[in-house]
């Protein structure tokens, strides 16, 4: 989760990271992120924002996702997809739905 919170302070994100996030959120059997480890990583990199908690990490990620240059991120991931139609699934709306399901 570190890369989804810390790295997305930029406007540009790697589409592969977004694809990985969708993959992670799509499987409800995956464990929740290790928040202590995440908070320590953010502290070590001089994070100045609020620390993610059990009830806030999903909101924090969604807020970051809203700031992204989506066309650039999708262009980044397109060459790596084995099934190009999957690109249509990688949207802010779909990731928002997955984040709200948790």
N, C-alpha and C. Protein backbone atom coordinates (compact mmCIF):
# COMPACT_ATOMS: atom_id res chain seq x y z
N UNK A 1 0.80 -1.19 0.00
CA UNK A 1 0.00 0.00 0.00
C UNK A 1 0.85 1.26 0.00
N UNK A 2 2.09 1.13 0.42
CA UNK A 2 2.97 2.30 0.46
C UNK A 2 3.02 2.99 -0.88
N UNK A 3 3.22 2.20 -1.93
CA UNK A 3 3.35 2.84 -3.23
C UNK A 3 2.07 3.52 -3.67
N UNK A 4 0.94 3.08 -3.18
CA UNK A 4 -0.32 3.70 -3.57
C UNK A 4 -0.60 4.98 -2.81
N UNK A 5 -0.01 5.13 -1.66
CA UNK A 5 -0.21 6.36 -0.90
C UNK A 5 0.93 7.33 -1.18
N UNK A 6 2.15 6.91 -0.96
CA UNK A 6 3.29 7.80 -1.06
C UNK A 6 3.58 8.21 -2.49
N UNK A 7 3.60 7.27 -3.41
CA UNK A 7 3.99 7.60 -4.78
C UNK A 7 2.95 8.45 -5.49
N UNK A 8 1.72 8.38 -5.07
CA UNK A 8 0.69 9.09 -5.80
C UNK A 8 0.56 10.54 -5.40
N UNK A 9 1.55 11.06 -4.67
CA UNK A 9 1.55 12.49 -4.44
C UNK A 9 1.92 13.22 -5.72
N UNK A 10 2.42 12.48 -6.72
CA UNK A 10 2.68 13.05 -8.04
C UNK A 10 1.42 12.92 -8.89
N UNK A 11 1.38 13.69 -9.94
CA UNK A 11 0.26 13.58 -10.87
C UNK A 11 0.34 12.32 -11.71
N UNK A 12 1.55 11.84 -11.97
CA UNK A 12 1.73 10.69 -12.84
C UNK A 12 1.96 9.44 -12.00
N UNK A 13 1.28 8.40 -12.33
CA UNK A 13 1.48 7.10 -11.67
C UNK A 13 1.66 6.05 -12.75
N UNK A 14 2.39 5.03 -12.42
CA UNK A 14 2.55 3.94 -13.36
C UNK A 14 1.25 3.15 -13.45
N UNK A 15 0.81 2.93 -14.65
CA UNK A 15 -0.41 2.17 -14.85
C UNK A 15 -0.32 0.78 -14.28
N UNK A 16 0.89 0.23 -14.27
CA UNK A 16 1.08 -1.11 -13.71
C UNK A 16 0.74 -1.13 -12.22
N UNK A 17 1.03 -0.04 -11.52
CA UNK A 17 0.66 0.05 -10.10
C UNK A 17 -0.86 0.05 -9.94
N UNK A 18 -1.55 0.74 -10.84
CA UNK A 18 -3.01 0.77 -10.78
C UNK A 18 -3.59 -0.61 -11.06
N UNK A 19 -3.00 -1.30 -12.02
CA UNK A 19 -3.46 -2.65 -12.35
C UNK A 19 -3.26 -3.57 -11.14
N UNK A 20 -2.10 -3.46 -10.50
CA UNK A 20 -1.83 -4.26 -9.30
C UNK A 20 -2.81 -3.94 -8.18
N UNK A 21 -3.14 -2.67 -8.04
CA UNK A 21 -4.10 -2.27 -7.01
C UNK A 21 -5.47 -2.89 -7.29
N UNK A 22 -5.89 -2.86 -8.54
CA UNK A 22 -7.18 -3.46 -8.90
C UNK A 22 -7.16 -4.96 -8.62
N UNK A 23 -6.07 -5.60 -8.96
CA UNK A 23 -5.93 -7.04 -8.73
C UNK A 23 -6.02 -7.34 -7.23
N UNK A 24 -5.32 -6.57 -6.41
CA UNK A 24 -5.32 -6.76 -4.96
C UNK A 24 -6.72 -6.56 -4.39
N UNK A 25 -7.36 -5.48 -4.76
CA UNK A 25 -8.68 -5.16 -4.21
C UNK A 25 -9.77 -6.11 -4.70
N UNK A 26 -9.56 -6.73 -5.84
CA UNK A 26 -10.58 -7.61 -6.42
C UNK A 26 -10.70 -8.96 -5.71
N UNK A 27 -9.74 -9.29 -4.89
CA UNK A 27 -9.76 -10.58 -4.19
C UNK A 27 -10.00 -10.34 -2.70
N UNK A 28 -11.23 -10.56 -2.24
CA UNK A 28 -11.54 -10.29 -0.83
C UNK A 28 -10.82 -11.20 0.16
N UNK A 29 -10.15 -12.24 -0.34
CA UNK A 29 -9.43 -13.12 0.59
C UNK A 29 -8.05 -12.58 0.96
N UNK A 30 -7.58 -11.55 0.23
CA UNK A 30 -6.29 -10.96 0.57
C UNK A 30 -6.40 -10.25 1.91
N UNK A 31 -5.35 -10.29 2.72
CA UNK A 31 -5.40 -9.60 4.02
C UNK A 31 -5.36 -8.08 3.85
N UNK A 32 -5.81 -7.40 4.87
CA UNK A 32 -5.70 -5.94 4.89
C UNK A 32 -4.22 -5.58 4.95
N UNK A 33 -3.86 -4.37 4.55
CA UNK A 33 -2.45 -3.99 4.59
C UNK A 33 -1.94 -3.96 6.03
N UNK A 34 -0.65 -4.18 6.18
CA UNK A 34 0.01 -4.08 7.48
C UNK A 34 0.23 -2.59 7.75
N UNK A 35 -0.64 -2.01 8.53
CA UNK A 35 -0.62 -0.56 8.73
C UNK A 35 0.60 -0.09 9.51
N UNK A 36 1.09 -0.89 10.43
CA UNK A 36 2.30 -0.51 11.18
C UNK A 36 3.48 -0.41 10.21
N UNK A 37 3.62 -1.41 9.37
CA UNK A 37 4.70 -1.39 8.37
C UNK A 37 4.52 -0.20 7.43
N UNK A 38 3.31 0.04 6.98
CA UNK A 38 3.02 1.16 6.09
C UNK A 38 3.34 2.50 6.76
N UNK A 39 2.92 2.67 7.99
CA UNK A 39 3.19 3.92 8.71
C UNK A 39 4.69 4.12 8.92
N UNK A 40 5.41 3.05 9.23
CA UNK A 40 6.86 3.15 9.39
C UNK A 40 7.54 3.55 8.08
N UNK A 41 7.10 2.97 6.98
CA UNK A 41 7.68 3.31 5.68
C UNK A 41 7.41 4.78 5.35
N UNK A 42 6.21 5.25 5.62
CA UNK A 42 5.89 6.65 5.35
C UNK A 42 6.72 7.58 6.24
N UNK A 43 6.90 7.21 7.49
CA UNK A 43 7.71 8.02 8.41
C UNK A 43 9.15 8.09 7.91
N UNK A 44 9.70 6.98 7.47
CA UNK A 44 11.08 6.92 7.00
C UNK A 44 11.31 7.78 5.76
N UNK A 45 10.26 8.00 4.99
CA UNK A 45 10.40 8.82 3.78
C UNK A 45 9.88 10.24 4.01
N UNK A 46 9.76 10.61 5.26
CA UNK A 46 9.38 11.97 5.66
C UNK A 46 8.00 12.39 5.16
N UNK A 47 7.08 11.44 5.17
CA UNK A 47 5.70 11.71 4.79
C UNK A 47 5.15 12.81 5.69
N UNK A 48 4.51 13.81 5.12
CA UNK A 48 3.98 14.93 5.89
C UNK A 48 2.47 14.89 6.04
N UNK A 49 1.83 13.93 5.40
CA UNK A 49 0.38 13.83 5.48
C UNK A 49 -0.08 13.04 6.69
N UNK A 50 -1.38 12.87 6.78
CA UNK A 50 -1.94 12.05 7.85
C UNK A 50 -1.53 10.61 7.64
N UNK A 51 -1.38 9.89 8.73
CA UNK A 51 -1.02 8.48 8.64
C UNK A 51 -2.27 7.64 8.36
N UNK A 52 -2.15 6.66 7.50
CA UNK A 52 -3.30 5.79 7.21
C UNK A 52 -3.64 4.93 8.43
N UNK A 53 -4.91 4.80 8.67
CA UNK A 53 -5.42 3.95 9.75
C UNK A 53 -6.39 2.95 9.12
N UNK A 54 -6.86 2.02 9.92
CA UNK A 54 -7.76 0.99 9.41
C UNK A 54 -8.99 1.58 8.75
N UNK A 55 -9.47 2.71 9.26
CA UNK A 55 -10.69 3.30 8.72
C UNK A 55 -10.43 4.42 7.71
N UNK A 56 -9.15 4.69 7.38
CA UNK A 56 -8.86 5.80 6.46
C UNK A 56 -8.03 5.43 5.24
N UNK A 57 -7.35 4.29 5.24
CA UNK A 57 -6.41 4.03 4.14
C UNK A 57 -7.11 3.97 2.79
N UNK A 58 -8.31 3.43 2.76
CA UNK A 58 -9.03 3.34 1.49
C UNK A 58 -9.43 4.72 0.97
N UNK A 59 -9.84 5.58 1.87
CA UNK A 59 -10.20 6.96 1.50
C UNK A 59 -8.96 7.70 1.01
N UNK A 60 -7.83 7.48 1.68
CA UNK A 60 -6.59 8.13 1.27
C UNK A 60 -6.17 7.70 -0.14
N UNK A 61 -6.30 6.43 -0.41
CA UNK A 61 -5.93 5.94 -1.74
C UNK A 61 -6.86 6.51 -2.80
N UNK A 62 -8.16 6.54 -2.50
CA UNK A 62 -9.10 7.08 -3.48
C UNK A 62 -8.81 8.56 -3.75
N UNK A 63 -8.48 9.30 -2.71
CA UNK A 63 -8.15 10.72 -2.89
C UNK A 63 -6.94 10.88 -3.81
N UNK A 64 -5.95 10.01 -3.66
CA UNK A 64 -4.78 10.05 -4.53
C UNK A 64 -5.16 9.69 -5.96
N UNK A 65 -5.99 8.67 -6.10
CA UNK A 65 -6.39 8.23 -7.44
C UNK A 65 -7.10 9.35 -8.20
N UNK A 66 -7.84 10.17 -7.49
CA UNK A 66 -8.56 11.27 -8.14
C UNK A 66 -7.62 12.32 -8.73
N UNK A 67 -6.39 12.35 -8.27
CA UNK A 67 -5.43 13.36 -8.72
C UNK A 67 -4.59 12.91 -9.91
N UNK A 68 -4.75 11.68 -10.32
CA UNK A 68 -3.87 11.13 -11.35
C UNK A 68 -4.22 11.60 -12.76
N UNK A 69 -3.22 11.53 -13.59
CA UNK A 69 -3.39 11.73 -15.03
C UNK A 69 -3.75 10.36 -15.60
N UNK A 70 -5.04 10.07 -15.65
CA UNK A 70 -5.51 8.74 -16.05
C UNK A 70 -5.12 8.36 -17.47
N UNK A 71 -5.21 9.26 -18.45
CA UNK A 71 -4.77 8.86 -19.80
C UNK A 71 -3.31 8.41 -19.83
N UNK A 72 -2.44 9.10 -19.09
CA UNK A 72 -1.02 8.71 -19.06
C UNK A 72 -0.84 7.36 -18.37
N UNK A 73 -1.56 7.15 -17.29
CA UNK A 73 -1.45 5.88 -16.56
C UNK A 73 -1.94 4.71 -17.42
N UNK A 74 -3.03 4.92 -18.12
CA UNK A 74 -3.56 3.85 -18.99
C UNK A 74 -2.62 3.58 -20.17
N UNK A 75 -2.02 4.63 -20.70
CA UNK A 75 -1.05 4.44 -21.78
C UNK A 75 0.16 3.66 -21.28
N UNK A 76 0.51 3.87 -20.01
CA UNK A 76 1.64 3.16 -19.43
C UNK A 76 1.37 1.67 -19.29
N UNK A 77 0.17 1.30 -18.89
CA UNK A 77 -0.13 -0.11 -18.64
C UNK A 77 -0.51 -0.87 -19.92
N UNK A 78 -1.01 -0.19 -20.91
CA UNK A 78 -1.51 -0.85 -22.13
C UNK A 78 -0.55 -1.89 -22.72
N UNK A 79 0.75 -1.60 -22.86
CA UNK A 79 1.64 -2.59 -23.48
C UNK A 79 1.85 -3.86 -22.64
N UNK A 80 1.51 -3.81 -21.37
CA UNK A 80 1.76 -4.94 -20.49
C UNK A 80 0.57 -5.89 -20.34
N UNK A 81 -0.56 -5.50 -20.86
CA UNK A 81 -1.76 -6.32 -20.69
C UNK A 81 -1.78 -7.49 -21.67
N UNK A 82 -1.99 -8.67 -21.13
CA UNK A 82 -2.12 -9.85 -22.00
C UNK A 82 -3.47 -9.84 -22.70
N UNK A 83 -4.47 -9.29 -22.04
CA UNK A 83 -5.82 -9.19 -22.61
C UNK A 83 -6.21 -7.70 -22.69
N UNK A 84 -5.96 -7.07 -23.84
CA UNK A 84 -6.21 -5.63 -23.99
C UNK A 84 -7.59 -5.16 -23.54
N UNK A 85 -8.67 -5.95 -23.68
CA UNK A 85 -9.97 -5.46 -23.21
C UNK A 85 -10.01 -5.16 -21.70
N UNK A 86 -9.05 -5.70 -20.94
CA UNK A 86 -9.01 -5.41 -19.51
C UNK A 86 -8.76 -3.93 -19.23
N UNK A 87 -8.20 -3.24 -20.19
CA UNK A 87 -7.92 -1.81 -20.01
C UNK A 87 -9.21 -1.05 -19.69
N UNK A 88 -10.32 -1.47 -20.28
CA UNK A 88 -11.60 -0.79 -20.06
C UNK A 88 -12.08 -0.94 -18.61
N UNK A 89 -11.57 -1.93 -17.89
CA UNK A 89 -11.95 -2.13 -16.49
C UNK A 89 -11.18 -1.23 -15.53
N UNK A 90 -10.04 -0.75 -15.98
CA UNK A 90 -9.17 0.03 -15.13
C UNK A 90 -9.59 1.50 -15.15
N UNK A 91 -10.56 1.81 -14.29
CA UNK A 91 -11.10 3.17 -14.23
C UNK A 91 -11.16 3.64 -12.79
N UNK A 92 -11.22 4.94 -12.61
CA UNK A 92 -11.38 5.51 -11.28
C UNK A 92 -12.67 5.01 -10.65
N UNK A 93 -13.72 4.94 -11.44
CA UNK A 93 -15.02 4.46 -10.93
C UNK A 93 -14.91 3.03 -10.39
N UNK A 94 -14.28 2.14 -11.16
CA UNK A 94 -14.16 0.75 -10.72
C UNK A 94 -13.27 0.61 -9.49
N UNK A 95 -12.16 1.34 -9.47
CA UNK A 95 -11.31 1.26 -8.28
C UNK A 95 -12.03 1.85 -7.07
N UNK A 96 -12.81 2.90 -7.29
CA UNK A 96 -13.60 3.46 -6.20
C UNK A 96 -14.58 2.46 -5.64
N UNK A 97 -15.24 1.72 -6.52
CA UNK A 97 -16.18 0.68 -6.06
C UNK A 97 -15.47 -0.38 -5.23
N UNK A 98 -14.31 -0.81 -5.70
CA UNK A 98 -13.55 -1.82 -4.97
C UNK A 98 -13.09 -1.30 -3.61
N UNK A 99 -12.66 -0.05 -3.59
CA UNK A 99 -12.22 0.53 -2.31
C UNK A 99 -13.39 0.65 -1.32
N UNK A 100 -14.57 0.96 -1.82
CA UNK A 100 -15.73 1.10 -0.93
C UNK A 100 -16.26 -0.25 -0.43
N UNK A 101 -15.96 -1.32 -1.15
CA UNK A 101 -16.44 -2.64 -0.75
C UNK A 101 -15.76 -3.17 0.51
N UNK A 102 -14.57 -2.68 0.79
CA UNK A 102 -13.80 -3.21 1.92
C UNK A 102 -14.28 -2.84 3.23
